[in-house]
C-alpha atoms as a PDB file:
ATOM      1  CA  UNK A   1      97.928 104.577  88.849  1.00  0.00           C
ATOM      2  CA  UNK A   2      97.966 102.819  92.579  1.00  0.00           C
ATOM      3  CA  UNK A   3      95.830  99.911  92.971  1.00  0.00           C
ATOM      4  CA  UNK A   4      94.700  97.871  95.795  1.00  0.00           C
ATOM      5  CA  UNK A   5      97.030  95.086  97.107  1.00  0.00           C
ATOM      6  CA  UNK A   6      95.479  91.423  96.039  1.00  0.00           C
ATOM      7  CA  UNK A   7      96.387  88.048  96.012  1.00  0.00           C
ATOM      8  CA  UNK A   8      95.225  85.105  94.404  1.00  0.00           C
ATOM      9  CA  UNK A   9      94.438  81.692  95.818  1.00  0.00           C
ATOM     10  CA  UNK A  10      95.841  79.467  93.686  1.00  0.00           C
ATOM     11  CA  UNK A  11      98.270  81.522  91.801  1.00  0.00           C
ATOM     12  CA  UNK A  12      97.558  79.950  88.413  1.00  0.00           C
ATOM     13  CA  UNK A  13      94.786  80.823  86.599  1.00  0.00           C
ATOM     14  CA  UNK A  14      91.505  79.308  86.313  1.00  0.00           C
ATOM     15  CA  UNK A  15      88.308  79.563  84.566  1.00  0.00           C
ATOM     16  CA  UNK A  16      86.189  80.977  86.552  1.00  0.00           C
ATOM     17  CA  UNK A  17      87.158  83.786  89.566  1.00  0.00           C
ATOM     18  CA  UNK A  18      85.883  85.059  92.612  1.00  0.00           C
ATOM     19  CA  UNK A  19      86.127  88.527  94.123  1.00  0.00           C
ATOM     20  CA  UNK A  20      86.819  87.717  97.824  1.00  0.00           C
ATOM     21  CA  UNK A  21      86.263  91.455  99.966  1.00  0.00           C
ATOM     22  CA  UNK A  22      86.920  91.578 103.272  1.00  0.00           C
ATOM     23  CA  UNK A  23      84.997  93.160 106.199  1.00  0.00           C
ATOM     24  CA  UNK A  24      86.157  96.523 108.056  1.00  0.00           C
ATOM     25  CA  UNK A  25      89.320  95.735 110.001  1.00  0.00           C
ATOM     26  CA  UNK A  26      89.839  92.916 107.647  1.00  0.00           C
ATOM     27  CA  UNK A  27      92.421  92.441 104.554  1.00  0.00           C
ATOM     28  CA  UNK A  28      91.966  89.581 102.578  1.00  0.00           C
ATOM     29  CA  UNK A  29      93.739  86.673 103.911  1.00  0.00           C
ATOM     30  CA  UNK A  30      91.729  86.664 106.269  1.00  0.00           C
ATOM     31  CA  UNK A  31      89.864  84.481 103.798  1.00  0.00           C
ATOM     32  CA  UNK A  32      92.793  82.548 102.854  1.00  0.00           C
ATOM     33  CA  UNK A  33      91.802  79.021 104.246  1.00  0.00           C
ATOM     34  CA  UNK A  34      88.187  78.995 103.154  1.00  0.00           C
ATOM     35  CA  UNK A  35      89.992  80.031  99.571  1.00  0.00           C
ATOM     36  CA  UNK A  36      92.057  77.132  99.495  1.00  0.00           C
ATOM     37  CA  UNK A  37      89.616  74.515 100.465  1.00  0.00           C
ATOM     38  CA  UNK A  38      86.875  75.995  98.019  1.00  0.00           C
ATOM     39  CA  UNK A  39      89.764  75.577  95.127  1.00  0.00           C
ATOM     40  CA  UNK A  40      90.110  71.778  96.565  1.00  0.00           C
ATOM     41  CA  UNK A  41      86.770  71.214  96.516  1.00  0.00           C
ATOM     42  CA  UNK A  42      85.779  73.297  92.776  1.00  0.00           C
ATOM     43  CA  UNK A  43      89.281  73.366  91.908  1.00  0.00           C
ATOM     44  CA  UNK A  44      87.853  75.521  88.593  1.00  0.00           C
ATOM     45  CA  UNK A  45      87.264  78.577  90.881  1.00  0.00           C
ATOM     46  CA  UNK A  46      90.548  80.893  91.922  1.00  0.00           C
ATOM     47  CA  UNK A  47      89.973  83.236  94.497  1.00  0.00           C
ATOM     48  CA  UNK A  48      91.066  86.942  94.420  1.00  0.00           C
ATOM     49  CA  UNK A  49      91.534  88.056  98.077  1.00  0.00           C
ATOM     50  CA  UNK A  50      91.839  92.006  97.724  1.00  0.00           C
ATOM     51  CA  UNK A  51      92.543  94.171 100.629  1.00  0.00           C
ATOM     52  CA  UNK A  52      90.498  97.158 100.883  1.00  0.00           C
ATOM     53  CA  UNK A  53      91.385 100.944 101.195  1.00  0.00           C
ATOM     54  CA  UNK A  54      92.972 101.576 104.616  1.00  0.00           C
ATOM     55  CA  UNK A  55      93.192  97.975 104.998  1.00  0.00           C
ATOM     56  CA  UNK A  56      95.957  95.233 104.947  1.00  0.00           C
ATOM     57  CA  UNK A  57      98.876  96.750 102.395  1.00  0.00           C
ATOM     58  CA  UNK A  58      96.509  98.716 100.301  1.00  0.00           C
ATOM     59  CA  UNK A  59      96.657 102.086  99.667  1.00  0.00           C
ATOM     60  CA  UNK A  60      95.157 104.888 101.704  1.00  0.00           C
ATOM     61  CA  UNK A  61      93.622 106.733  98.563  1.00  0.00           C
ATOM     62  CA  UNK A  62      92.259 110.186  99.302  1.00  0.00           C
ATOM     63  CA  UNK A  63      88.825 110.932 101.274  1.00  0.00           C
ATOM     64  CA  UNK A  64      86.032 110.620 100.595  1.00  0.00           C
ATOM     65  CA  UNK A  65      85.896 107.140 102.027  1.00  0.00           C
ATOM     66  CA  UNK A  66      82.933 105.485 101.626  1.00  0.00           C
ATOM     67  CA  UNK A  67      81.549 102.385  99.613  1.00  0.00           C
ATOM     68  CA  UNK A  68      81.063 103.337  96.514  1.00  0.00           C
ATOM     69  CA  UNK A  69      84.722 105.183  96.425  1.00  0.00           C
ATOM     70  CA  UNK A  70      85.766 100.882  97.676  1.00  0.00           C
ATOM     71  CA  UNK A  71      83.658  99.867  94.880  1.00  0.00           C
ATOM     72  CA  UNK A  72      85.674 102.297  92.141  1.00  0.00           C
ATOM     73  CA  UNK A  73      88.951 101.272  94.025  1.00  0.00           C
ATOM     74  CA  UNK A  74      87.674  97.339  92.539  1.00  0.00           C
ATOM     75  CA  UNK A  75      86.880  98.849  88.980  1.00  0.00           C
ATOM     76  CA  UNK A  76      90.297 100.151  88.929  1.00  0.00           C
ATOM     77  CA  UNK A  77      92.201  97.296  89.348  1.00  0.00           C
ATOM     78  CA  UNK A  78      89.938  95.532  86.999  1.00  0.00           C
ATOM     79  CA  UNK A  79      90.847  97.571  84.688  1.00  0.00           C
ATOM     80  CA  UNK A  80      94.751  97.855  85.696  1.00  0.00           C
ATOM     81  CA  UNK A  81      95.074  93.590  85.719  1.00  0.00           C
ATOM     82  CA  UNK A  82      92.416  92.344  83.045  1.00  0.00           C
ATOM     83  CA  UNK A  83      91.009  90.540  86.536  1.00  0.00           C
ATOM     84  CA  UNK A  84      87.609  90.371  86.436  1.00  0.00           C
ATOM     85  CA  UNK A  85      85.257  88.499  88.477  1.00  0.00           C
ATOM     86  CA  UNK A  86      82.731  85.900  87.908  1.00  0.00           C
ATOM     87  CA  UNK A  87      81.224  86.240  91.301  1.00  0.00           C
ATOM     88  CA  UNK A  88      81.688  88.505  94.367  1.00  0.00           C
ATOM     89  CA  UNK A  89      81.759  88.049  97.684  1.00  0.00           C
ATOM     90  CA  UNK A  90      81.996  90.177 100.657  1.00  0.00           C
ATOM     91  CA  UNK A  91      82.162  90.226 104.378  1.00  0.00           C
ATOM     92  CA  UNK A  92      80.497  93.369 106.336  1.00  0.00           C
ATOM     93  CA  UNK A  93      81.592  96.427 105.264  1.00  0.00           C
ATOM     94  CA  UNK A  94      83.008  94.260 101.995  1.00  0.00           C
ATOM     95  CA  UNK A  95      79.236  93.196 101.724  1.00  0.00           C
ATOM     96  CA  UNK A  96      78.064  96.124 100.355  1.00  0.00           C
ATOM     97  CA  UNK A  97      80.987  97.268  98.569  1.00  0.00           C
ATOM     98  CA  UNK A  98      80.073  93.957  96.394  1.00  0.00           C
ATOM     99  CA  UNK A  99      76.274  95.385  96.083  1.00  0.00           C
ATOM    100  CA  UNK A 100      77.491  98.770  94.861  1.00  0.00           C
ATOM    101  CA  UNK A 101      80.177  96.625  92.631  1.00  0.00           C
ATOM    102  CA  UNK A 102      77.764  94.571  90.838  1.00  0.00           C
ATOM    103  CA  UNK A 103      74.946  97.644  90.733  1.00  0.00           C
ATOM    104  CA  UNK A 104      77.848  99.712  88.562  1.00  0.00           C
ATOM    105  CA  UNK A 105      77.552  96.715  85.838  1.00  0.00           C
ATOM    106  CA  UNK A 106      81.089  96.921  84.970  1.00  0.00           C
ATOM    107  CA  UNK A 107      81.413  92.700  85.881  1.00  0.00           C
ATOM    108  CA  UNK A 108      79.013  90.581  84.162  1.00  0.00           C
ATOM    109  CA  UNK A 109      78.461  88.732  87.349  1.00  0.00           C
ATOM    110  CA  UNK A 110      76.636  85.837  87.675  1.00  0.00           C
ATOM    111  CA  UNK A 111      76.516  85.530  92.142  1.00  0.00           C
ATOM    112  CA  UNK A 112      77.224  88.138  94.577  1.00  0.00           C
ATOM    113  CA  UNK A 113      77.653  86.358  97.557  1.00  0.00           C
ATOM    114  CA  UNK A 114      76.475  89.001 100.738  1.00  0.00           C
ATOM    115  CA  UNK A 115      78.182  87.822 104.339  1.00  0.00           C
ATOM    116  CA  UNK A 116      76.342  88.999 107.233  1.00  0.00           C
ATOM    117  CA  UNK A 117      75.784  92.326 105.585  1.00  0.00           C
ATOM    118  CA  UNK A 118      73.008  94.428 104.424  1.00  0.00           C
ATOM    119  CA  UNK A 119      71.379  96.706 101.838  1.00  0.00           C
ATOM    120  CA  UNK A 120      69.493  98.589 103.776  1.00  0.00           C
ATOM    121  CA  UNK A 121      70.254 102.559 105.454  1.00  0.00           C
ATOM    122  CA  UNK A 122      70.236 102.499 109.262  1.00  0.00           C
ATOM    123  CA  UNK A 123      71.782 103.684 112.641  1.00  0.00           C
ATOM    124  CA  UNK A 124      75.331 103.054 113.053  1.00  0.00           C
ATOM    125  CA  UNK A 125      75.265  99.968 115.752  1.00  0.00           C
ATOM    126  CA  UNK A 126      75.974  96.534 116.003  1.00  0.00           C
ATOM    127  CA  UNK A 127      79.432  94.514 116.910  1.00  0.00           C
ATOM    128  CA  UNK A 128      81.778  96.008 114.145  1.00  0.00           C
ATOM    129  CA  UNK A 129      80.702  99.687 115.294  1.00  0.00           C
ATOM    130  CA  UNK A 130      80.915  98.617 118.631  1.00  0.00           C
ATOM    131  CA  UNK A 131      84.870  97.460 117.974  1.00  0.00           C
ATOM    132  CA  UNK A 132      85.628 101.914 117.788  1.00  0.00           C
ATOM    133  CA  UNK A 133      84.601 102.583 121.187  1.00  0.00           C
ATOM    134  CA  UNK A 134      86.227  99.819 122.518  1.00  0.00           C
ATOM    135  CA  UNK A 135      89.645  99.914 120.488  1.00  0.00           C
ATOM    136  CA  UNK A 136      89.413 103.599 121.780  1.00  0.00           C
ATOM    137  CA  UNK A 137      89.528 102.994 125.269  1.00  0.00           C
ATOM    138  CA  UNK A 138      92.251 100.829 125.329  1.00  0.00           C
ATOM    139  CA  UNK A 139      95.873 102.043 125.084  1.00  0.00           C
ATOM    140  CA  UNK A 140      97.364 102.892 121.742  1.00  0.00           C
ATOM    141  CA  UNK A 141     100.455 100.876 122.604  1.00  0.00           C
ATOM    142  CA  UNK A 142     100.928  97.135 123.918  1.00  0.00           C
ATOM    143  CA  UNK A 143     104.028  95.214 124.484  1.00  0.00           C
ATOM    144  CA  UNK A 144     103.202  92.425 123.103  1.00  0.00           C
ATOM    145  CA  UNK A 145      99.890  91.094 120.787  1.00  0.00           C
ATOM    146  CA  UNK A 146      98.951  88.644 123.679  1.00  0.00           C
ATOM    147  CA  UNK A 147      98.086  91.722 125.827  1.00  0.00           C
ATOM    148  CA  UNK A 148      95.701  93.444 123.308  1.00  0.00           C
ATOM    149  CA  UNK A 149      94.060  90.099 123.093  1.00  0.00           C
ATOM    150  CA  UNK A 150      93.657  90.303 126.789  1.00  0.00           C
ATOM    151  CA  UNK A 151      92.477  93.364 126.996  1.00  0.00           C
ATOM    152  CA  UNK A 152      89.958  92.942 123.718  1.00  0.00           C
ATOM    153  CA  UNK A 153      88.738  89.602 125.819  1.00  0.00           C
ATOM    154  CA  UNK A 154      88.198  91.292 128.628  1.00  0.00           C
ATOM    155  CA  UNK A 155      85.894  94.017 127.248  1.00  0.00           C
ATOM    156  CA  UNK A 156      83.848  90.758 125.955  1.00  0.00           C
ATOM    157  CA  UNK A 157      85.450  89.471 122.505  1.00  0.00           C
ATOM    158  CA  UNK A 158      85.845  85.936 121.901  1.00  0.00           C
ATOM    159  CA  UNK A 159      89.508  85.127 121.664  1.00  0.00           C
ATOM    160  CA  UNK A 160      89.198  83.800 118.148  1.00  0.00           C
ATOM    161  CA  UNK A 161      87.958  87.232 117.274  1.00  0.00           C
ATOM    162  CA  UNK A 162      90.063  88.939 119.443  1.00  0.00           C
ATOM    163  CA  UNK A 163      93.824  87.131 118.068  1.00  0.00           C
ATOM    164  CA  UNK A 164      91.990  88.354 114.476  1.00  0.00           C
ATOM    165  CA  UNK A 165      91.723  91.964 115.944  1.00  0.00           C
ATOM    166  CA  UNK A 166      94.629  91.850 117.049  1.00  0.00           C
ATOM    167  CA  UNK A 167      96.765  90.935 113.669  1.00  0.00           C
ATOM    168  CA  UNK A 168      96.172  94.963 113.062  1.00  0.00           C
ATOM    169  CA  UNK A 169      99.236  95.492 115.019  1.00  0.00           C
ATOM    170  CA  UNK A 170     102.552  95.919 113.753  1.00  0.00           C
ATOM    171  CA  UNK A 171     105.515  96.037 115.453  1.00  0.00           C
ATOM    172  CA  UNK A 172     107.152  99.550 116.321  1.00  0.00           C
ATOM    173  CA  UNK A 173     109.923 101.163 118.205  1.00  0.00           C
ATOM    174  CA  UNK A 174     109.468  98.095 120.834  1.00  0.00           C
ATOM    175  CA  UNK A 175     106.099  98.441 121.020  1.00  0.00           C
ATOM    176  CA  UNK A 176     103.061  96.829 119.247  1.00  0.00           C
ATOM    177  CA  UNK A 177     100.685 100.238 117.246  1.00  0.00           C
ATOM    178  CA  UNK A 178      97.366  99.677 115.500  1.00  0.00           C
ATOM    179  CA  UNK A 179      97.996  99.662 111.403  1.00  0.00           C
ATOM    180  CA  UNK A 180      94.165 101.235 111.095  1.00  0.00           C
ATOM    181  CA  UNK A 181      93.104 105.021 110.831  1.00  0.00           C
ATOM    182  CA  UNK A 182      90.007 104.136 113.575  1.00  0.00           C
ATOM    183  CA  UNK A 183      88.989 108.132 112.277  1.00  0.00           C
ATOM    184  CA  UNK A 184      89.226 106.419 108.783  1.00  0.00           C
ATOM    185  CA  UNK A 185      87.224 103.587 109.861  1.00  0.00           C
ATOM    186  CA  UNK A 186      84.532 105.546 111.292  1.00  0.00           C
ATOM    187  CA  UNK A 187      83.907 107.349 108.277  1.00  0.00           C
ATOM    188  CA  UNK A 188      83.935 103.845 106.595  1.00  0.00           C
ATOM    189  CA  UNK A 189      81.626 102.399 108.701  1.00  0.00           C
ATOM    190  CA  UNK A 190      79.639 105.955 108.412  1.00  0.00           C
ATOM    191  CA  UNK A 191      78.619 105.716 105.265  1.00  0.00           C
ATOM    192  CA  UNK A 192      77.985 101.813 105.233  1.00  0.00           C
ATOM    193  CA  UNK A 193      75.082 102.488 107.579  1.00  0.00           C
ATOM    194  CA  UNK A 194      73.660 105.497 105.235  1.00  0.00           C
ATOM    195  CA  UNK A 195      74.182 103.788 101.646  1.00  0.00           C
ATOM    196  CA  UNK A 196      70.900 102.093 100.321  1.00  0.00           C
ATOM    197  CA  UNK A 197      71.632  99.492  97.760  1.00  0.00           C
ATOM    198  CA  UNK A 198      68.157  98.199  98.104  1.00  0.00           C
ATOM    199  CA  UNK A 199      67.740  98.824  94.015  1.00  0.00           C
ATOM    200  CA  UNK A 200      70.172  95.668  93.910  1.00  0.00           C
ATOM    201  CA  UNK A 201      67.869  93.423  95.449  1.00  0.00           C
ATOM    202  CA  UNK A 202      65.093  94.604  93.465  1.00  0.00           C
ATOM    203  CA  UNK A 203      66.289  94.531  90.675  1.00  0.00           C
ATOM    204  CA  UNK A 204      69.392  92.149  90.165  1.00  0.00           C
ATOM    205  CA  UNK A 205      71.639  92.997  86.824  1.00  0.00           C
ATOM    206  CA  UNK A 206      70.769  90.942  84.439  1.00  0.00           C
ATOM    207  CA  UNK A 207      72.193  87.149  84.823  1.00  0.00           C
ATOM    208  CA  UNK A 208      73.148  88.132  88.707  1.00  0.00           C
ATOM    209  CA  UNK A 209      71.852  85.882  91.718  1.00  0.00           C
ATOM    210  CA  UNK A 210      72.157  87.520  95.286  1.00  0.00           C
ATOM    211  CA  UNK A 211      72.538  85.146  98.098  1.00  0.00           C
ATOM    212  CA  UNK A 212      72.692  86.917 101.359  1.00  0.00           C
ATOM    213  CA  UNK A 213      74.183  84.863 104.375  1.00  0.00           C
ATOM    214  CA  UNK A 214      73.150  85.803 107.522  1.00  0.00           C
ATOM    215  CA  UNK A 215      75.106  84.793 110.642  1.00  0.00           C
ATOM    216  CA  UNK A 216      72.129  83.962 113.778  1.00  0.00           C
ATOM    217  CA  UNK A 217      73.950  85.483 116.370  1.00  0.00           C
ATOM    218  CA  UNK A 218      74.383  88.674 114.543  1.00  0.00           C
ATOM    219  CA  UNK A 219      71.674  91.563 114.261  1.00  0.00           C
ATOM    220  CA  UNK A 220      73.220  93.100 111.048  1.00  0.00           C
ATOM    221  CA  UNK A 221      70.614  92.370 108.828  1.00  0.00           C
ATOM    222  CA  UNK A 222      67.244  93.470 110.246  1.00  0.00           C
ATOM    223  CA  UNK A 223      64.017  91.585 110.562  1.00  0.00           C
ATOM    224  CA  UNK A 224      62.378  93.908 107.521  1.00  0.00           C
ATOM    225  CA  UNK A 225      65.416  93.494 105.817  1.00  0.00           C
ATOM    226  CA  UNK A 226      65.065  89.668 105.850  1.00  0.00           C
ATOM    227  CA  UNK A 227      61.442  89.905 105.032  1.00  0.00           C
ATOM    228  CA  UNK A 228      62.530  92.318 102.145  1.00  0.00           C
ATOM    229  CA  UNK A 229      65.108  89.815 100.637  1.00  0.00           C
ATOM    230  CA  UNK A 230      62.155  86.904 100.791  1.00  0.00           C
ATOM    231  CA  UNK A 231      59.863  88.633  99.214  1.00  0.00           C
ATOM    232  CA  UNK A 232      61.958  89.616  96.324  1.00  0.00           C
ATOM    233  CA  UNK A 233      63.156  86.242  95.792  1.00  0.00           C
ATOM    234  CA  UNK A 234      59.734  85.022  95.455  1.00  0.00           C
ATOM    235  CA  UNK A 235      59.271  87.968  92.820  1.00  0.00           C
ATOM    236  CA  UNK A 236      61.900  87.491  90.229  1.00  0.00           C
ATOM    237  CA  UNK A 237      63.675  84.287  91.925  1.00  0.00           C
ATOM    238  CA  UNK A 238      66.991  85.638  91.910  1.00  0.00           C
ATOM    239  CA  UNK A 239      67.482  86.685  95.670  1.00  0.00           C
ATOM    240  CA  UNK A 240      68.223  84.270  98.469  1.00  0.00           C
ATOM    241  CA  UNK A 241      68.410  84.020 102.220  1.00  0.00           C
ATOM    242  CA  UNK A 242      71.038  81.677 103.764  1.00  0.00           C
ATOM    243  CA  UNK A 243      70.991  81.589 108.019  1.00  0.00           C
ATOM    244  CA  UNK A 244      74.599  80.111 109.044  1.00  0.00           C
ATOM    245  CA  UNK A 245      74.609  79.855 112.734  1.00  0.00           C
ATOM    246  CA  UNK A 246      77.747  82.242 114.066  1.00  0.00           C
ATOM    247  CA  UNK A 247      78.314  85.761 115.702  1.00  0.00           C
ATOM    248  CA  UNK A 248      79.042  88.644 112.797  1.00  0.00           C
ATOM    249  CA  UNK A 249      82.714  87.720 112.340  1.00  0.00           C
ATOM    250  CA  UNK A 250      81.499  84.612 110.464  1.00  0.00           C
ATOM    251  CA  UNK A 251      85.063  83.712 108.985  1.00  0.00           C
ATOM    252  CA  UNK A 252      86.199  83.412 112.553  1.00  0.00           C
ATOM    253  CA  UNK A 253      83.121  81.496 113.790  1.00  0.00           C
ATOM    254  CA  UNK A 254      81.669  79.653 111.214  1.00  0.00           C
ATOM    255  CA  UNK A 255      84.021  79.194 107.917  1.00  0.00           C
ATOM    256  CA  UNK A 256      83.220  75.652 107.024  1.00  0.00           C
ATOM    257  CA  UNK A 257      79.402  76.882 106.696  1.00  0.00           C
ATOM    258  CA  UNK A 258      79.805  79.008 104.312  1.00  0.00           C
ATOM    259  CA  UNK A 259      82.752  77.108 102.098  1.00  0.00           C
ATOM    260  CA  UNK A 260      79.848  74.227 102.167  1.00  0.00           C
ATOM    261  CA  UNK A 261      77.248  77.045 100.331  1.00  0.00           C
ATOM    262  CA  UNK A 262      79.526  78.391  97.923  1.00  0.00           C
ATOM    263  CA  UNK A 263      80.476  74.544  97.177  1.00  0.00           C
ATOM    264  CA  UNK A 264      77.231  74.101  96.804  1.00  0.00           C
ATOM    265  CA  UNK A 265      75.714  76.971  94.632  1.00  0.00           C
ATOM    266  CA  UNK A 266      78.537  78.955  92.840  1.00  0.00           C
ATOM    267  CA  UNK A 267      77.891  77.866  89.131  1.00  0.00           C
END
């Protein structure tokens, strides 16, 4: 049975494990530095850096490519390896996968960290969605990664985000081409915007605390959603909303703020 690709930071077993789920266009290793620094601060914690379906070294798996299918991939990985999480962290698309995983009840999770993501249904929009149009407007291949970075920054991306996105290029027959299937990325994103996961926020599984981290320069989490999360937190005390300066790609813009939150609030 094929399973998701992953790496553990550190490799040695620890008493507590954080499941790390990257966002769309990413891969687990995007969070390696944070995982290392978290272990340095909290040595009882390790992070399992997971490549979601269609990303990194993981298989594409069969369609449909949905949030629930990605959560099912995670469940099969845990079953195959016996590596279960005490907490889960998901960024962007991975945030909704984390919520779906928490809803399944397959882990006795104590915390879910939802990084600039949302449980709501909304029309497709935002930085990750606009990236599809930007990529499709560019050539299918580049002489070098620096040429892709230049094209992406010319389209309005910061240099840091452009360099991160260009890491998805692979060398093939004398040129650099995208390793990602952008039609499949669109399918994942469309399901992300269509999937309603408010149930997890309104009635969290027993013992689960939810920590939403909102990027202040992002509009992924609407004002209405922020109000609803805060209201749920006031009602049952297990939903929290943290504001962090930066854009949607927080692992590039402000990783140290996320590290501070995790170091302080992980059990």
